[in-house]
PDB file of N, CA and C in Angstrom:
ATOM      1  N   MET A   1       4.337  18.528  42.790  1.00  0.00           N
ATOM      2  CA  MET A   1       3.508  18.959  41.695  1.00  0.00           C
ATOM      3  C   MET A   1       4.341  19.328  40.482  1.00  0.00           C
ATOM      4  N   LYS A   2       5.440  19.999  40.718  1.00  0.00           N
ATOM      5  CA  LYS A   2       6.314  20.423  39.651  1.00  0.00           C
ATOM      6  C   LYS A   2       6.916  19.224  38.931  1.00  0.00           C
ATOM      7  N   GLU A   3       7.255  18.174  39.712  1.00  0.00           N
ATOM      8  CA  GLU A   3       7.818  16.966  39.066  1.00  0.00           C
ATOM      9  C   GLU A   3       6.813  16.281  38.158  1.00  0.00           C
ATOM     10  N   LYS A   4       5.543  16.301  38.551  1.00  0.00           N
ATOM     11  CA  LYS A   4       4.472  15.689  37.748  1.00  0.00           C
ATOM     12  C   LYS A   4       4.334  16.465  36.426  1.00  0.00           C
ATOM     13  N   ILE A   5       4.401  17.768  36.506  1.00  0.00           N
ATOM     14  CA  ILE A   5       4.304  18.592  35.299  1.00  0.00           C
ATOM     15  C   ILE A   5       5.449  18.329  34.373  1.00  0.00           C
ATOM     16  N   ILE A   6       6.635  18.263  34.925  1.00  0.00           N
ATOM     17  CA  ILE A   6       7.844  17.951  34.137  1.00  0.00           C
ATOM     18  C   ILE A   6       7.721  16.576  33.492  1.00  0.00           C
ATOM     19  N   ASP A   7       7.261  15.609  34.274  1.00  0.00           N
ATOM     20  CA  ASP A   7       7.062  14.241  33.787  1.00  0.00           C
ATOM     21  C   ASP A   7       6.068  14.215  32.635  1.00  0.00           C
ATOM     22  N   LEU A   8       4.961  14.943  32.789  1.00  0.00           N
ATOM     23  CA  LEU A   8       3.943  15.004  31.741  1.00  0.00           C
ATOM     24  C   LEU A   8       4.489  15.691  30.470  1.00  0.00           C
ATOM     25  N   GLU A   9       5.248  16.761  30.668  1.00  0.00           N
ATOM     26  CA  GLU A   9       5.821  17.466  29.504  1.00  0.00           C
ATOM     27  C   GLU A   9       6.827  16.558  28.807  1.00  0.00           C
ATOM     28  N   THR A  10       7.570  15.787  29.545  1.00  0.00           N
ATOM     29  CA  THR A  10       8.514  14.839  28.912  1.00  0.00           C
ATOM     30  C   THR A  10       7.786  13.776  28.130  1.00  0.00           C
ATOM     31  N   LYS A  11       6.778  13.186  28.722  1.00  0.00           N
ATOM     32  CA  LYS A  11       5.988  12.184  28.026  1.00  0.00           C
ATOM     33  C   LYS A  11       5.330  12.763  26.753  1.00  0.00           C
ATOM     34  N   PHE A  12       4.809  13.965  26.886  1.00  0.00           N
ATOM     35  CA  PHE A  12       4.197  14.599  25.738  1.00  0.00           C
ATOM     36  C   PHE A  12       5.198  14.855  24.633  1.00  0.00           C
ATOM     37  N   SER A  13       6.403  15.266  24.994  1.00  0.00           N
ATOM     38  CA  SER A  13       7.444  15.498  24.016  1.00  0.00           C
ATOM     39  C   SER A  13       7.813  14.218  23.262  1.00  0.00           C
ATOM     40  N   PHE A  14       7.952  13.127  23.993  1.00  0.00           N
ATOM     41  CA  PHE A  14       8.242  11.836  23.349  1.00  0.00           C
ATOM     42  C   PHE A  14       7.092  11.384  22.448  1.00  0.00           C
ATOM     43  N   GLN A  15       5.881  11.595  22.898  1.00  0.00           N
ATOM     44  CA  GLN A  15       4.732  11.214  22.092  1.00  0.00           C
ATOM     45  C   GLN A  15       4.658  12.032  20.810  1.00  0.00           C
ATOM     46  N   GLU A  16       4.930  13.325  20.935  1.00  0.00           N
ATOM     47  CA  GLU A  16       4.915  14.174  19.769  1.00  0.00           C
ATOM     48  C   GLU A  16       5.980  13.786  18.757  1.00  0.00           C
ATOM     49  N   ASP A  17       7.148  13.434  19.252  1.00  0.00           N
ATOM     50  CA  ASP A  17       8.255  12.965  18.384  1.00  0.00           C
ATOM     51  C   ASP A  17       7.856  11.662  17.700  1.00  0.00           C
ATOM     52  N   LEU A  18       7.285  10.735  18.452  1.00  0.00           N
ATOM     53  CA  LEU A  18       6.844   9.475  17.889  1.00  0.00           C
ATOM     54  C   LEU A  18       5.775   9.678  16.825  1.00  0.00           C
ATOM     55  N   LEU A  19       4.857  10.553  17.093  1.00  0.00           N
ATOM     56  CA  LEU A  19       3.807  10.861  16.121  1.00  0.00           C
ATOM     57  C   LEU A  19       4.393  11.402  14.814  1.00  0.00           C
ATOM     58  N   GLN A  20       5.368  12.242  14.908  1.00  0.00           N
ATOM     59  CA  GLN A  20       6.022  12.781  13.711  1.00  0.00           C
ATOM     60  C   GLN A  20       6.751  11.674  12.966  1.00  0.00           C
ATOM     61  N   GLN A  21       7.419  10.781  13.677  1.00  0.00           N
ATOM     62  CA  GLN A  21       8.129   9.661  13.030  1.00  0.00           C
ATOM     63  C   GLN A  21       7.116   8.743  12.328  1.00  0.00           C
ATOM     64  N   LEU A  22       6.023   8.457  12.988  1.00  0.00           N
ATOM     65  CA  LEU A  22       5.017   7.591  12.400  1.00  0.00           C
ATOM     66  C   LEU A  22       4.393   8.252  11.134  1.00  0.00           C
ATOM     67  N   ASN A  23       4.174   9.518  11.200  1.00  0.00           N
ATOM     68  CA  ASN A  23       3.658  10.261  10.048  1.00  0.00           C
ATOM     69  C   ASN A  23       4.606  10.188   8.862  1.00  0.00           C
ATOM     70  N   LYS A  24       5.877  10.391   9.110  1.00  0.00           N
ATOM     71  CA  LYS A  24       6.878  10.288   8.051  1.00  0.00           C
ATOM     72  C   LYS A  24       6.890   8.887   7.424  1.00  0.00           C
ATOM     73  N   GLU A  25       6.832   7.927   8.311  1.00  0.00           N
ATOM     74  CA  GLU A  25       6.832   6.517   7.828  1.00  0.00           C
ATOM     75  C   GLU A  25       5.602   6.215   7.003  1.00  0.00           C
ATOM     76  N   MET A  26       4.444   6.718   7.438  1.00  0.00           N
ATOM     77  CA  MET A  26       3.199   6.508   6.721  1.00  0.00           C
ATOM     78  C   MET A  26       3.267   7.164   5.334  1.00  0.00           C
ATOM     79  N   LEU A  27       3.836   8.369   5.245  1.00  0.00           N
ATOM     80  CA  LEU A  27       3.992   9.025   3.954  1.00  0.00           C
ATOM     81  C   LEU A  27       4.929   8.254   3.039  1.00  0.00           C
ATOM     82  N   LEU A  28       6.012   7.704   3.599  1.00  0.00           N
ATOM     83  CA  LEU A  28       6.921   6.910   2.805  1.00  0.00           C
ATOM     84  C   LEU A  28       6.221   5.650   2.281  1.00  0.00           C
ATOM     85  N   GLN A  29       5.460   4.999   3.135  1.00  0.00           N
ATOM     86  CA  GLN A  29       4.748   3.807   2.711  1.00  0.00           C
ATOM     87  C   GLN A  29       3.708   4.122   1.663  1.00  0.00           C
ATOM     88  N   GLN A  30       3.041   5.229   1.762  1.00  0.00           N
ATOM     89  CA  GLN A  30       2.044   5.623   0.783  1.00  0.00           C
ATOM     90  C   GLN A  30       2.711   5.883  -0.586  1.00  0.00           C
ATOM     91  N   ARG A  31       3.897   6.493  -0.561  1.00  0.00           N
ATOM     92  CA  ARG A  31       4.618   6.704  -1.825  1.00  0.00           C
ATOM     93  C   ARG A  31       5.012   5.401  -2.433  1.00  0.00           C
ATOM     94  N   GLN A  32       5.415   4.426  -1.585  1.00  0.00           N
ATOM     95  CA  GLN A  32       5.776   3.107  -2.119  1.00  0.00           C
ATOM     96  C   GLN A  32       4.561   2.387  -2.668  1.00  0.00           C
ATOM     97  N   ILE A  33       3.449   2.499  -2.018  1.00  0.00           N
ATOM     98  CA  ILE A  33       2.207   1.897  -2.523  1.00  0.00           C
ATOM     99  C   ILE A  33       1.837   2.504  -3.852  1.00  0.00           C
ATOM    100  N   ASP A  34       1.933   3.837  -3.966  1.00  0.00           N
ATOM    101  CA  ASP A  34       1.624   4.497  -5.222  1.00  0.00           C
ATOM    102  C   ASP A  34       2.544   4.028  -6.339  1.00  0.00           C
ATOM    103  N   ALA A  35       3.836   3.925  -6.051  1.00  0.00           N
ATOM    104  CA  ALA A  35       4.808   3.462  -7.050  1.00  0.00           C
ATOM    105  C   ALA A  35       4.513   2.029  -7.483  1.00  0.00           C
ATOM    106  N   LEU A  36       4.202   1.191  -6.523  1.00  0.00           N
ATOM    107  CA  LEU A  36       3.911  -0.199  -6.851  1.00  0.00           C
ATOM    108  C   LEU A  36       2.600  -0.332  -7.647  1.00  0.00           C
ATOM    109  N   SER A  37       1.625   0.498  -7.325  1.00  0.00           N
ATOM    110  CA  SER A  37       0.367   0.483  -8.055  1.00  0.00           C
ATOM    111  C   SER A  37       0.598   0.899  -9.518  1.00  0.00           C
ATOM    112  N   LEU A  38       1.434   1.900  -9.715  1.00  0.00           N
ATOM    113  CA  LEU A  38       1.763   2.342 -11.064  1.00  0.00           C
ATOM    114  C   LEU A  38       2.487   1.234 -11.823  1.00  0.00           C
ATOM    115  N   GLN A  39       3.449   0.598 -11.184  1.00  0.00           N
ATOM    116  CA  GLN A  39       4.165  -0.511 -11.828  1.00  0.00           C
ATOM    117  C   GLN A  39       3.189  -1.640 -12.198  1.00  0.00           C
ATOM    118  N   LEU A  40       2.296  -1.987 -11.308  1.00  0.00           N
ATOM    119  CA  LEU A  40       1.332  -3.037 -11.555  1.00  0.00           C
ATOM    120  C   LEU A  40       0.443  -2.672 -12.748  1.00  0.00           C
ATOM    121  N   ARG A  41       0.002  -1.434 -12.781  1.00  0.00           N
ATOM    122  CA  ARG A  41      -0.863  -0.969 -13.892  1.00  0.00           C
ATOM    123  C   ARG A  41      -0.112  -1.113 -15.210  1.00  0.00           C
ATOM    124  N   ARG A  42       1.192  -0.720 -15.220  1.00  0.00           N
ATOM    125  CA  ARG A  42       1.983  -0.794 -16.444  1.00  0.00           C
ATOM    126  C   ARG A  42       2.160  -2.250 -16.864  1.00  0.00           C
ATOM    127  N   VAL A  43       2.404  -3.137 -15.905  1.00  0.00           N
ATOM    128  CA  VAL A  43       2.569  -4.576 -16.211  1.00  0.00           C
ATOM    129  C   VAL A  43       1.273  -5.144 -16.788  1.00  0.00           C
ATOM    130  N   ARG A  44       0.146  -4.753 -16.211  1.00  0.00           N
ATOM    131  CA  ARG A  44      -1.141  -5.224 -16.758  1.00  0.00           C
ATOM    132  C   ARG A  44      -1.374  -4.735 -18.194  1.00  0.00           C
ATOM    133  N   GLU A  45      -1.023  -3.478 -18.427  1.00  0.00           N
ATOM    134  CA  GLU A  45      -1.173  -2.938 -19.772  1.00  0.00           C
ATOM    135  C   GLU A  45      -0.273  -3.700 -20.757  1.00  0.00           C
ATOM    136  N   GLN A  46       0.981  -3.931 -20.342  1.00  0.00           N
ATOM    137  CA  GLN A  46       1.898  -4.665 -21.207  1.00  0.00           C
ATOM    138  C   GLN A  46       1.392  -6.072 -21.476  1.00  0.00           C
ATOM    139  N   LEU A  47       0.863  -6.722 -20.454  1.00  0.00           N
ATOM    140  CA  LEU A  47       0.339  -8.058 -20.614  1.00  0.00           C
ATOM    141  C   LEU A  47      -0.865  -8.054 -21.557  1.00  0.00           C
ATOM    142  N   SER A  48      -1.736  -7.102 -21.385  1.00  0.00           N
ATOM    143  CA  SER A  48      -2.874  -7.026 -22.266  1.00  0.00           C
ATOM    144  C   SER A  48      -2.477  -6.806 -23.708  1.00  0.00           C
ATOM    145  N   GLU A  49      -1.451  -5.937 -23.891  1.00  0.00           N
ATOM    146  CA  GLU A  49      -0.925  -5.719 -25.270  1.00  0.00           C
ATOM    147  C   GLU A  49      -0.351  -6.976 -25.840  1.00  0.00           C
ATOM    148  N   LEU A  50       0.408  -7.690 -25.059  1.00  0.00           N
ATOM    149  CA  LEU A  50       1.031  -8.935 -25.540  1.00  0.00           C
ATOM    150  C   LEU A  50      -0.036  -9.968 -25.889  1.00  0.00           C
ATOM    151  N   LEU A  51      -1.043 -10.087 -25.016  1.00  0.00           N
ATOM    152  CA  LEU A  51      -2.119 -11.019 -25.288  1.00  0.00           C
ATOM    153  C   LEU A  51      -2.895 -10.624 -26.511  1.00  0.00           C
ATOM    154  N   ALA A  52      -3.088  -9.336 -26.699  1.00  0.00           N
ATOM    155  CA  ALA A  52      -3.821  -8.839 -27.887  1.00  0.00           C
ATOM    156  C   ALA A  52      -3.022  -9.127 -29.154  1.00  0.00           C
ATOM    157  N   GLU A  53      -1.709  -8.974 -29.085  1.00  0.00           N
ATOM    158  CA  GLU A  53      -0.860  -9.287 -30.241  1.00  0.00           C
ATOM    159  C   GLU A  53      -0.933 -10.758 -30.599  1.00  0.00           C
ATOM    160  N   ASP A  54      -1.086 -11.613 -29.599  1.00  0.00           N
ATOM    161  CA  ASP A  54      -1.169 -13.066 -29.865  1.00  0.00           C
ATOM    162  C   ASP A  54      -2.567 -13.472 -30.227  1.00  0.00           C
ATOM    163  N   GLY A  55      -3.517 -12.571 -30.149  1.00  0.00           N
ATOM    164  CA  GLY A  55      -4.914 -12.854 -30.471  1.00  0.00           C
ATOM    165  C   GLY A  55      -5.621 -13.559 -29.348  1.00  0.00           C
ATOM    166  N   VAL A  56      -5.110 -13.488 -28.157  1.00  0.00           N
ATOM    167  CA  VAL A  56      -5.744 -14.134 -27.006  1.00  0.00           C
ATOM    168  C   VAL A  56      -6.688 -13.189 -26.364  1.00  0.00           C
ATOM    169  N   GLN A  57      -7.903 -13.619 -26.166  1.00  0.00           N
ATOM    170  CA  GLN A  57      -8.908 -12.812 -25.471  1.00  0.00           C
ATOM    171  C   GLN A  57      -8.762 -13.042 -23.980  1.00  0.00           C
ATOM    172  N   HIS A  58      -8.574 -11.990 -23.234  1.00  0.00           N
ATOM    173  CA  HIS A  58      -8.402 -12.128 -21.778  1.00  0.00           C
ATOM    174  C   HIS A  58      -9.738 -11.804 -21.151  1.00  0.00           C
ATOM    175  N   ALA A  59     -10.243 -12.795 -20.415  1.00  0.00           N
ATOM    176  CA  ALA A  59     -11.498 -12.603 -19.701  1.00  0.00           C
ATOM    177  C   ALA A  59     -11.278 -12.830 -18.219  1.00  0.00           C
ATOM    178  N   GLU A  60     -11.967 -12.047 -17.412  1.00  0.00           N
ATOM    179  CA  GLU A  60     -11.877 -12.226 -15.982  1.00  0.00           C
ATOM    180  C   GLU A  60     -12.616 -13.506 -15.595  1.00  0.00           C
ATOM    181  N   PRO A  61     -12.046 -14.313 -14.749  1.00  0.00           N
ATOM    182  CA  PRO A  61     -12.725 -15.554 -14.337  1.00  0.00           C
ATOM    183  C   PRO A  61     -13.990 -15.248 -13.527  1.00  0.00           C
ATOM    184  N   ALA A  62     -14.945 -16.046 -13.702  1.00  0.00           N
ATOM    185  CA  ALA A  62     -16.192 -15.886 -12.949  1.00  0.00           C
ATOM    186  C   ALA A  62     -15.918 -16.083 -11.446  1.00  0.00           C
ATOM    187  N   VAL A  63     -16.535 -15.316 -10.640  1.00  0.00           N
ATOM    188  CA  VAL A  63     -16.282 -15.367  -9.194  1.00  0.00           C
ATOM    189  C   VAL A  63     -16.757 -16.709  -8.634  1.00  0.00           C
ATOM    190  N   ASP A  64     -17.886 -17.188  -9.093  1.00  0.00           N
ATOM    191  CA  ASP A  64     -18.463 -18.412  -8.522  1.00  0.00           C
ATOM    192  C   ASP A  64     -17.994 -19.670  -9.310  1.00  0.00           C
ATOM    193  N   GLU A  65     -17.189 -19.503 -10.307  1.00  0.00           N
ATOM    194  CA  GLU A  65     -16.776 -20.610 -11.122  1.00  0.00           C
ATOM    195  C   GLU A  65     -15.795 -21.488 -10.338  1.00  0.00           C
ATOM    196  N   LYS A  66     -16.074 -22.787 -10.328  1.00  0.00           N
ATOM    197  CA  LYS A  66     -15.204 -23.751  -9.612  1.00  0.00           C
ATOM    198  C   LYS A  66     -14.055 -24.137 -10.516  1.00  0.00           C
ATOM    199  N   PRO A  67     -12.926 -24.426  -9.933  1.00  0.00           N
ATOM    200  CA  PRO A  67     -11.775 -24.882 -10.760  1.00  0.00           C
ATOM    201  C   PRO A  67     -12.099 -26.211 -11.396  1.00  0.00           C
ATOM    202  N   PRO A  68     -11.412 -26.559 -12.496  1.00  0.00           N
ATOM    203  CA  PRO A  68     -11.737 -27.802 -13.233  1.00  0.00           C
ATOM    204  C   PRO A  68     -11.562 -29.065 -12.456  1.00  0.00           C
ATOM    205  N   HIS A  69     -10.767 -29.086 -11.428  1.00  0.00           N
ATOM    206  CA  HIS A  69     -10.551 -30.345 -10.702  1.00  0.00           C
ATOM    207  C   HIS A  69     -11.700 -30.704  -9.751  1.00  0.00           C
ATOM    208  N   TYR A  70     -12.716 -29.850  -9.627  1.00  0.00           N
ATOM    209  CA  TYR A  70     -13.861 -30.171  -8.781  1.00  0.00           C
ATOM    210  C   TYR A  70     -14.875 -30.983  -9.500  1.00  0.00           C
TER     211      TYR A  70
END
């Protein structure tokens, strides 16, 4: 019985450590996603500004619109 308890405590300890590692990794990934989202937003803003300077109207393509080769 004592061996089973020790075995369960050991497994629990490893699981707890793994959970902490996964949590840290998830936080790191979320920070990377946030940074990439910010960069993408800035690039879109710069592109819009450049297009506006050239007098190009940027319109979102229609969802159901087929490409010209169809």
